Amino acid sequence: MNKDDNPIEAFGSIEEGNEPLQPYMDPTLFDSIDKQAQIELLTPVFDSITLAGADYDLKAQDSATGKRYTLLKEEKVIDVFVMDTTLTDNVLNAIKEHKESEDEL
């Protein structure tokens, strides 16, 4: 995947549009972080996961206060996040730090 490629297409099809992101949307936050803003936060996350390798995965779970996002590598938890305006940076930093710590081993 190139940096100009659409990451939504990497785990969906052009016909599906944003549908693959639906399970990751947190409608409880639409008042503060609307659907489009969430798409803009999630898209670079999936782009980075795709570029980082198939070993990384992001799971979304519902909780009492909204969605929780768990970043995994080979089924091991790297970190847990909530949807906020720093979600993209938080996930990207976690991937980077994890890759750097693996390189040191």
Protein backbone atom coordinates (compact mmCIF):
# COMPACT_ATOMS: atom_id res chain seq x y z
CA MET A 1 0.00 0.00 0.00
CA ASN A 2 1.32 3.42 -0.93
CA LYS A 3 0.78 6.53 1.18
CA ASP A 4 -1.72 7.84 -1.39
CA ASP A 5 -3.79 4.64 -1.38
CA ASN A 6 -7.12 4.61 0.40
CA PRO A 7 -6.72 2.40 3.49
CA ILE A 8 -10.47 1.76 3.65
CA GLU A 9 -10.10 -0.17 0.42
CA ALA A 10 -7.44 -2.37 2.05
CA PHE A 11 -10.02 -4.01 4.30
CA GLY A 12 -13.17 -3.38 2.30
CA SER A 13 -14.14 -2.75 -1.26
CA ILE A 14 -14.87 0.40 -3.16
CA GLU A 15 -18.55 -0.59 -3.14
CA GLU A 16 -18.54 -0.80 0.66
CA GLY A 17 -17.15 2.72 1.10
CA ASN A 18 -16.85 3.42 4.83
CA GLU A 19 -18.78 0.29 5.85
CA PRO A 20 -15.67 -1.55 7.11
CA LEU A 21 -15.19 1.28 9.63
CA GLN A 22 -18.72 0.98 11.06
CA PRO A 23 -17.77 -1.48 13.85
CA TYR A 24 -15.08 0.98 14.96
CA MET A 25 -17.35 4.05 15.08
CA ASP A 26 -18.41 5.24 18.52
CA PRO A 27 -21.90 6.74 18.08
CA THR A 28 -21.99 7.74 21.76
CA LEU A 29 -19.47 10.45 20.83
CA PHE A 30 -21.15 11.81 17.70
CA ASP A 31 -22.01 15.03 19.61
CA SER A 32 -18.33 15.77 20.19
CA ILE A 33 -16.59 13.67 17.49
CA ASP A 34 -18.96 13.28 14.56
CA LYS A 35 -18.94 10.41 12.10
CA GLN A 36 -16.71 12.17 9.57
CA ALA A 37 -14.20 13.16 12.26
CA GLN A 38 -14.06 9.56 13.45
CA ILE A 39 -13.47 8.37 9.89
CA GLU A 40 -10.62 10.87 9.63
CA LEU A 41 -9.14 9.57 12.91
CA LEU A 42 -9.53 5.88 12.05
CA THR A 43 -8.36 5.96 8.42
CA PRO A 44 -4.68 6.71 9.18
CA VAL A 45 -4.77 4.12 11.96
CA PHE A 46 -5.72 1.37 9.52
CA ASP A 47 -3.26 2.73 6.98
CA SER A 48 -0.48 2.39 9.56
CA ILE A 49 -1.60 -1.06 10.63
CA THR A 50 -1.58 -2.16 6.99
CA LEU A 51 1.89 -0.69 6.47
CA ALA A 52 3.17 -2.11 9.79
CA GLY A 53 2.35 -5.64 8.75
CA ALA A 54 -0.39 -8.19 9.07
CA ASP A 55 0.70 -9.10 12.59
CA TYR A 56 -0.94 -5.95 14.00
CA ASP A 57 -4.69 -5.79 14.57
CA LEU A 58 -7.12 -3.33 16.12
CA LYS A 59 -10.18 -4.69 17.90
CA ALA A 60 -13.11 -2.57 19.05
CA GLN A 61 -15.13 -3.51 22.12
CA ASP A 62 -18.16 -1.76 23.54
CA SER A 63 -17.86 -0.60 27.12
CA ALA A 64 -20.14 1.31 29.48
CA THR A 65 -18.47 4.59 28.50
CA GLY A 66 -18.06 3.97 24.76
CA LYS A 67 -15.77 1.91 22.58
CA ARG A 68 -12.37 0.68 23.65
CA TYR A 69 -9.77 -0.10 21.01
CA THR A 70 -7.20 -2.78 21.66
CA LEU A 71 -4.05 -2.83 19.56
CA LEU A 72 -2.70 -6.36 19.26
CA LYS A 73 0.27 -8.01 17.67
CA GLU A 74 0.04 -11.75 17.22
CA GLU A 75 -2.86 -11.79 19.73
CA LYS A 76 -0.77 -10.03 22.41
CA VAL A 77 -2.10 -6.73 23.72
CA ILE A 78 0.13 -3.77 22.91
CA ASP A 79 -2.14 -1.02 24.29
CA VAL A 80 -5.76 0.01 24.83
CA PHE A 81 -7.26 3.30 23.62
CA VAL A 82 -10.48 5.28 23.69
CA MET A 83 -11.90 7.34 20.85
CA ASP A 84 -10.75 10.91 21.26
CA THR A 85 -9.07 13.49 19.08
CA THR A 86 -5.66 11.95 19.82
CA LEU A 87 -6.62 8.38 18.84
CA THR A 88 -4.59 8.44 15.62
CA ASP A 89 -1.44 9.77 17.30
CA ASN A 90 -1.82 7.39 20.24
CA VAL A 91 -2.12 4.29 18.05
CA LEU A 92 0.66 5.37 15.68
CA ASN A 93 2.99 6.07 18.61
CA ALA A 94 2.17 2.69 20.17
CA ILE A 95 3.00 0.88 16.92
CA LYS A 96 6.24 2.84 16.55
CA GLU A 97 7.31 2.25 20.15
CA HIS A 98 6.47 -1.45 19.92
CA LYS A 99 8.45 -1.85 16.70
CA GLU A 100 11.41 -0.02 18.26
CA SER A 101 11.32 -2.21 21.38
CA GLU A 102 11.25 -5.33 19.19
CA ASP A 103 14.24 -4.06 17.22
CA GLU A 104 16.19 -3.71 20.46
CA LEU A 105 15.66 -7.37 21.35
